[in-house]
Amino acid sequence: MNIGIIGLGLMGGSLGLALKKFPQKYHIIGYDHNKTHQKEAIELNLVDEIYSDFEDIKKCAVIILTIPVDAIITTIKRLKDTPNSCTIIDFGSSKSKISKSIPKEIREQVVTAHPMTGTEKFGPTAAITNLYKDKVMVFCDKDKSGELQRGVAISLFEDIEAKVVFMGAEEHDRHAAFISHMPHAVSFAIANSVMKQEDAGNIIALAGGGFKSMSRIAKSSPNMWEDIFRQNRENLLESIEIFNSEMMLCKKMIEDENWEELHKWMLEANSLHDIL
């Protein structure tokens, strides 16, 4: 089965590595507008070959979009003339706008999914063999996808050892705002707050594990995350507002020297790790 991966960065490259465990089942074809990414993908053995003509990628049995969310919307519209037997899967981090933008001619061919995994790194050199192993793969609006496409996608997700979860696109976007998108906004804010108050020498000398952990994802691609923030704007604004209210509560307890209540507030936060 020819698998066409559009976008050969962290997500696409890692997918190629995961599927190359099945050489008798999958032939991995890469497509990326970045010539350097094309070269690196071949050198790193992320794909079996590169297609430079977009029309050729349309001939693949499965086409997977591992590109920024705005580019997914544009690219899906270019796939309107793919054969009915083709399965198109998008890996975008926001789902509602993508789902609504899919041309009706190919709606049943498309599976809207979101792998809940990743790192702050990007590009083909960031690819990781087991990036998807034991990670949640959210399959959104599954009833809008055809029976063939559902089966192909789930089989592929099982091969990369992802855990498939089903939910609606709008439900996904609200959950993702709190669990993924808002934490990225907070990390960017932490990094900017420190950079505006401290010089590089002090940051290097004093930054411990806590700061490094909280600021790590601030190294994520601004191009990708700007698109995600734009597409999930309303849910993200709500999550930031709720986060800000918690910060103001913390500030008030410190101002009032209400240490007992502050302690209880911290204990409530500790309970998150009983879930995780």
Protein backbone atom coordinates (compact mmCIF):
# COMPACT_ATOMS: atom_id res chain seq x y z
CA MET A 1 0.00 0.00 0.00
CA ASN A 2 1.41 3.38 -1.02
CA ILE A 3 1.29 5.85 1.88
CA GLY A 4 1.82 9.49 0.92
CA ILE A 5 2.98 11.71 3.77
CA ILE A 6 2.64 15.43 3.08
CA GLY A 7 4.95 17.26 5.46
CA LEU A 8 8.20 15.64 6.58
CA GLY A 9 8.82 17.33 9.92
CA LEU A 10 8.55 15.81 13.39
CA MET A 11 5.07 14.32 12.92
CA GLY A 12 5.45 13.17 9.32
CA GLY A 13 9.00 11.92 9.75
CA SER A 14 8.10 10.01 12.91
CA LEU A 15 5.11 8.48 11.13
CA GLY A 16 7.36 7.35 8.29
CA LEU A 17 9.73 5.68 10.77
CA ALA A 18 6.85 3.93 12.54
CA LEU A 19 5.37 2.60 9.29
CA LYS A 20 8.71 1.45 7.92
CA LYS A 21 8.52 -1.37 10.47
CA PHE A 22 6.12 -2.96 7.95
CA PRO A 23 8.08 -3.00 4.66
CA GLN A 24 5.87 -5.75 3.20
CA LYS A 25 2.71 -3.75 3.96
CA TYR A 26 3.56 -0.09 3.35
CA HIS A 27 5.60 1.84 0.80
CA ILE A 28 6.26 5.31 2.21
CA ILE A 29 6.27 8.28 -0.16
CA GLY A 30 7.16 11.74 1.12
CA TYR A 31 6.14 15.16 -0.17
CA ASP A 32 7.42 18.46 1.18
CA HIS A 33 7.85 21.85 -0.46
CA ASN A 34 11.10 22.32 1.49
CA LYS A 35 13.98 20.86 -0.57
CA THR A 36 16.17 20.51 2.52
CA HIS A 37 13.46 18.49 4.23
CA GLN A 38 13.20 16.25 1.18
CA LYS A 39 16.94 15.59 1.25
CA GLU A 40 17.05 14.96 4.99
CA ALA A 41 14.04 12.63 4.88
CA ILE A 42 15.81 10.38 2.38
CA GLU A 43 19.15 10.53 4.22
CA LEU A 44 17.46 9.66 7.54
CA ASN A 45 15.46 6.85 5.92
CA LEU A 46 12.16 8.37 6.99
CA VAL A 47 10.56 7.54 3.64
CA ASP A 48 11.21 5.16 0.76
CA GLU A 49 11.06 7.86 -1.90
CA ILE A 50 10.14 11.50 -2.50
CA TYR A 51 7.53 12.81 -4.94
CA SER A 52 8.16 16.35 -6.17
CA ASP A 53 4.89 16.63 -8.13
CA PHE A 54 1.76 17.10 -6.02
CA GLU A 55 -0.35 15.40 -8.69
CA ASP A 56 1.61 12.19 -8.16
CA ILE A 57 0.87 12.08 -4.44
CA LYS A 58 -2.86 11.95 -5.29
CA LYS A 59 -2.33 8.42 -6.65
CA CYS A 60 -1.45 7.03 -3.19
CA ALA A 61 -3.95 4.74 -1.47
CA VAL A 62 -3.53 6.76 1.74
CA ILE A 63 -2.55 10.44 2.02
CA ILE A 64 -1.64 11.78 5.45
CA LEU A 65 -1.36 15.51 6.12
CA THR A 66 1.22 16.31 8.80
CA ILE A 67 1.47 20.04 8.10
CA PRO A 68 0.28 23.20 9.92
CA VAL A 69 -3.48 23.43 10.38
CA ASP A 70 -4.04 26.33 7.94
CA ALA A 71 -2.07 24.43 5.29
CA ILE A 72 -4.24 21.35 5.93
CA ILE A 73 -7.37 23.31 4.96
CA THR A 74 -5.72 24.56 1.76
CA THR A 75 -4.27 21.17 0.84
CA ILE A 76 -7.45 19.14 1.38
CA LYS A 77 -9.18 21.35 -1.19
CA ARG A 78 -6.48 20.37 -3.68
CA LEU A 79 -7.34 16.70 -3.13
CA LYS A 80 -10.93 16.92 -4.40
CA ASP A 81 -10.10 14.81 -7.46
CA THR A 82 -8.53 11.86 -5.64
CA PRO A 83 -10.10 8.41 -6.34
CA ASN A 84 -13.04 7.40 -4.13
CA SER A 85 -10.93 4.57 -2.72
CA CYS A 86 -8.31 7.00 -1.37
CA THR A 87 -8.13 7.59 2.38
CA ILE A 88 -7.06 11.09 3.44
CA ILE A 89 -6.03 11.57 7.08
CA ASP A 90 -5.16 14.89 8.67
CA PHE A 91 -3.11 15.14 11.87
CA GLY A 92 -4.01 18.74 12.73
CA SER A 93 -4.05 19.92 16.35
CA SER A 94 -7.39 21.72 15.94
CA LYS A 95 -10.28 19.91 14.31
CA SER A 96 -13.54 21.86 14.01
CA LYS A 97 -12.51 24.31 11.29
CA ILE A 98 -10.69 21.61 9.38
CA SER A 99 -13.71 19.30 9.51
CA LYS A 100 -16.06 22.06 8.33
CA SER A 101 -13.73 23.06 5.48
CA ILE A 102 -13.55 19.62 3.83
CA PRO A 103 -15.18 19.68 0.37
CA LYS A 104 -18.41 17.68 0.38
CA GLU A 105 -17.23 15.70 -2.66
CA ILE A 106 -14.56 13.97 -0.58
CA ARG A 107 -15.97 14.21 2.97
CA GLU A 108 -16.33 10.45 3.32
CA GLN A 109 -12.73 9.97 2.18
CA VAL A 110 -11.32 12.12 4.98
CA VAL A 111 -10.46 11.06 8.53
CA THR A 112 -9.86 13.98 10.89
CA ALA A 113 -7.43 12.86 13.60
CA HIS A 114 -5.12 14.37 16.21
CA PRO A 115 -2.23 12.44 17.74
CA MET A 116 -1.75 13.73 21.29
CA THR A 117 2.01 13.64 21.15
CA GLY A 118 4.97 15.71 20.00
CA THR A 119 8.05 17.56 21.15
CA GLU A 120 9.24 21.14 20.95
CA LYS A 121 11.55 20.20 18.07
CA PHE A 122 10.66 20.34 14.39
CA GLY A 123 11.97 19.29 10.99
CA PRO A 124 12.99 15.82 9.73
CA THR A 125 15.93 15.59 12.15
CA ALA A 126 13.42 15.71 15.05
CA ALA A 127 11.73 12.45 13.94
CA ILE A 128 11.40 9.76 16.64
CA THR A 129 10.68 6.09 15.90
CA ASN A 130 8.19 5.54 18.74
CA LEU A 131 6.60 9.00 18.88
CA TYR A 132 3.09 7.54 18.51
CA LYS A 133 3.55 4.39 20.61
CA ASP A 134 1.00 4.25 23.46
CA LYS A 135 -0.12 7.84 22.74
CA VAL A 136 -3.76 8.84 22.24
CA MET A 137 -4.95 9.26 18.65
CA VAL A 138 -8.20 11.24 18.65
CA PHE A 139 -10.46 10.23 15.75
CA CYS A 140 -13.00 13.04 15.30
CA ASP A 141 -16.44 12.94 13.64
CA LYS A 142 -15.96 9.29 12.66
CA ASP A 143 -19.50 8.95 11.28
CA LYS A 144 -18.63 11.53 8.61
CA SER A 145 -15.88 9.25 7.28
CA GLY A 146 -16.67 6.30 5.01
CA GLU A 147 -16.55 2.71 6.25
CA LEU A 148 -13.50 1.94 4.09
CA GLN A 149 -11.64 5.02 5.32
CA ARG A 150 -12.46 4.32 8.96
CA GLY A 151 -11.08 0.81 8.62
CA VAL A 152 -7.90 1.89 6.85
CA ALA A 153 -7.21 4.64 9.38
CA ILE A 154 -7.82 2.49 12.46
CA SER A 155 -5.61 -0.28 11.06
CA LEU A 156 -2.82 2.23 10.47
CA PHE A 157 -3.25 3.74 13.94
CA GLU A 158 -3.03 0.26 15.46
CA ASP A 159 0.16 -0.46 13.50
CA ILE A 160 1.86 2.60 14.98
CA GLU A 161 0.59 1.43 18.40
CA ALA A 162 -1.53 4.50 19.11
CA LYS A 163 -4.57 4.37 21.40
CA VAL A 164 -7.64 5.39 19.42
CA VAL A 165 -10.25 7.63 21.12
CA PHE A 166 -13.41 8.89 19.40
CA MET A 167 -15.04 12.29 19.92
CA GLY A 168 -16.64 15.16 18.04
CA ALA A 169 -14.44 17.87 16.52
CA GLU A 170 -15.89 20.69 18.63
CA GLU A 171 -15.58 18.64 21.82
CA HIS A 172 -11.97 17.87 20.91
CA ASP A 173 -11.12 21.52 20.37
CA ARG A 174 -12.36 22.57 23.80
CA HIS A 175 -10.44 19.78 25.52
CA ALA A 176 -7.32 20.51 23.47
CA ALA A 177 -7.48 24.20 24.40
CA PHE A 178 -7.13 23.38 28.10
CA ILE A 179 -4.81 20.37 27.89
CA SER A 180 -2.50 21.44 25.04
CA HIS A 181 -3.03 24.88 23.54
CA MET A 182 -3.28 26.97 26.72
CA PRO A 183 -0.19 25.31 28.27
CA HIS A 184 1.75 26.31 25.15
CA ALA A 185 0.55 29.90 25.56
CA VAL A 186 1.63 29.82 29.21
CA SER A 187 5.07 28.48 28.27
CA PHE A 188 5.55 31.26 25.71
CA ALA A 189 4.48 33.78 28.37
CA ILE A 190 6.87 32.36 30.97
CA ALA A 191 9.77 32.53 28.51
CA ASN A 192 8.98 36.12 27.52
CA SER A 193 8.48 37.21 31.16
CA VAL A 194 11.91 35.92 32.15
CA MET A 195 13.66 37.21 29.02
CA LYS A 196 12.31 40.71 29.69
CA GLN A 197 13.53 40.72 33.31
CA GLU A 198 16.77 38.74 33.27
CA ASP A 199 19.93 38.80 31.18
CA ALA A 200 21.28 35.68 29.53
CA GLY A 201 24.00 35.20 32.14
CA ASN A 202 21.57 35.07 35.05
CA ILE A 203 19.23 32.73 33.18
CA ILE A 204 22.08 30.32 32.46
CA ALA A 205 23.39 30.52 36.03
CA LEU A 206 20.10 30.16 37.88
CA ALA A 207 17.62 28.30 35.66
CA GLY A 208 16.83 24.96 37.28
CA GLY A 209 14.85 21.93 36.21
CA GLY A 210 11.47 23.50 36.99
CA PHE A 211 12.03 26.51 34.76
CA LYS A 212 13.48 24.36 31.99
CA SER A 213 10.48 22.01 32.12
CA MET A 214 7.92 24.81 32.08
CA SER A 215 9.64 26.77 29.32
CA ARG A 216 10.64 23.79 27.14
CA ILE A 217 7.66 23.96 24.79
CA ALA A 218 8.28 27.68 24.24
CA LYS A 219 10.84 26.41 21.70
CA SER A 220 7.96 25.10 19.55
CA SER A 221 7.44 26.41 16.02
CA PRO A 222 5.74 29.85 16.04
CA ASN A 223 4.42 29.22 12.52
CA MET A 224 2.58 26.08 13.62
CA TRP A 225 1.27 27.44 16.90
CA GLU A 226 0.08 30.76 15.49
CA ASP A 227 -2.15 28.76 13.12
CA ILE A 228 -3.45 26.57 15.96
CA PHE A 229 -4.19 29.57 18.19
CA ARG A 230 -6.05 31.24 15.29
CA GLN A 231 -8.15 28.19 14.48
CA ASN A 232 -9.06 27.46 18.11
CA ARG A 233 -9.30 31.10 19.16
CA GLU A 234 -12.54 31.06 21.17
CA ASN A 235 -11.70 27.95 23.19
CA LEU A 236 -8.16 29.21 23.80
CA LEU A 237 -9.41 32.59 25.04
CA GLU A 238 -11.74 30.81 27.50
CA SER A 239 -8.92 28.59 28.78
CA ILE A 240 -6.56 31.58 29.20
CA GLU A 241 -9.26 33.48 31.11
CA ILE A 242 -9.75 30.56 33.51
CA PHE A 243 -5.98 30.18 33.93
CA ASN A 244 -5.68 33.92 34.66
CA SER A 245 -8.37 33.63 37.35
CA GLU A 246 -6.30 30.93 39.07
CA MET A 247 -3.20 33.14 38.88
CA MET A 248 -5.11 36.07 40.36
CA LEU A 249 -6.38 33.81 43.15
CA CYS A 250 -2.80 32.79 43.91
CA LYS A 251 -1.71 36.44 43.85
CA LYS A 252 -4.51 37.46 46.24
CA MET A 253 -3.66 34.71 48.76
CA ILE A 254 -0.01 35.78 48.76
CA GLU A 255 -0.93 39.46 49.13
CA ASP A 256 -3.22 38.62 52.06
CA GLU A 257 -0.63 36.25 53.54
CA ASN A 258 -3.32 33.59 53.55
CA TRP A 259 -0.86 30.73 53.70
CA GLU A 260 -3.34 28.11 54.88
CA GLU A 261 -5.60 28.64 51.87
CA LEU A 262 -2.58 28.80 49.58
CA HIS A 263 -1.46 25.43 50.94
CA LYS A 264 -4.90 23.92 50.25
CA TRP A 265 -4.83 25.38 46.72
CA MET A 266 -1.47 23.74 46.07
CA LEU A 267 -2.76 20.41 47.43
CA GLU A 268 -5.67 20.56 44.99
CA ALA A 269 -3.16 20.98 42.18
CA ASN A 270 -1.14 18.00 43.47
CA SER A 271 -4.17 15.76 42.87
CA LEU A 272 -3.71 16.14 39.10
CA HIS A 273 -0.89 13.62 39.29
CA ASP A 274 -3.25 11.05 40.81
CA ILE A 275 -4.90 11.11 37.37
CA LEU A 276 -1.70 11.21 35.34
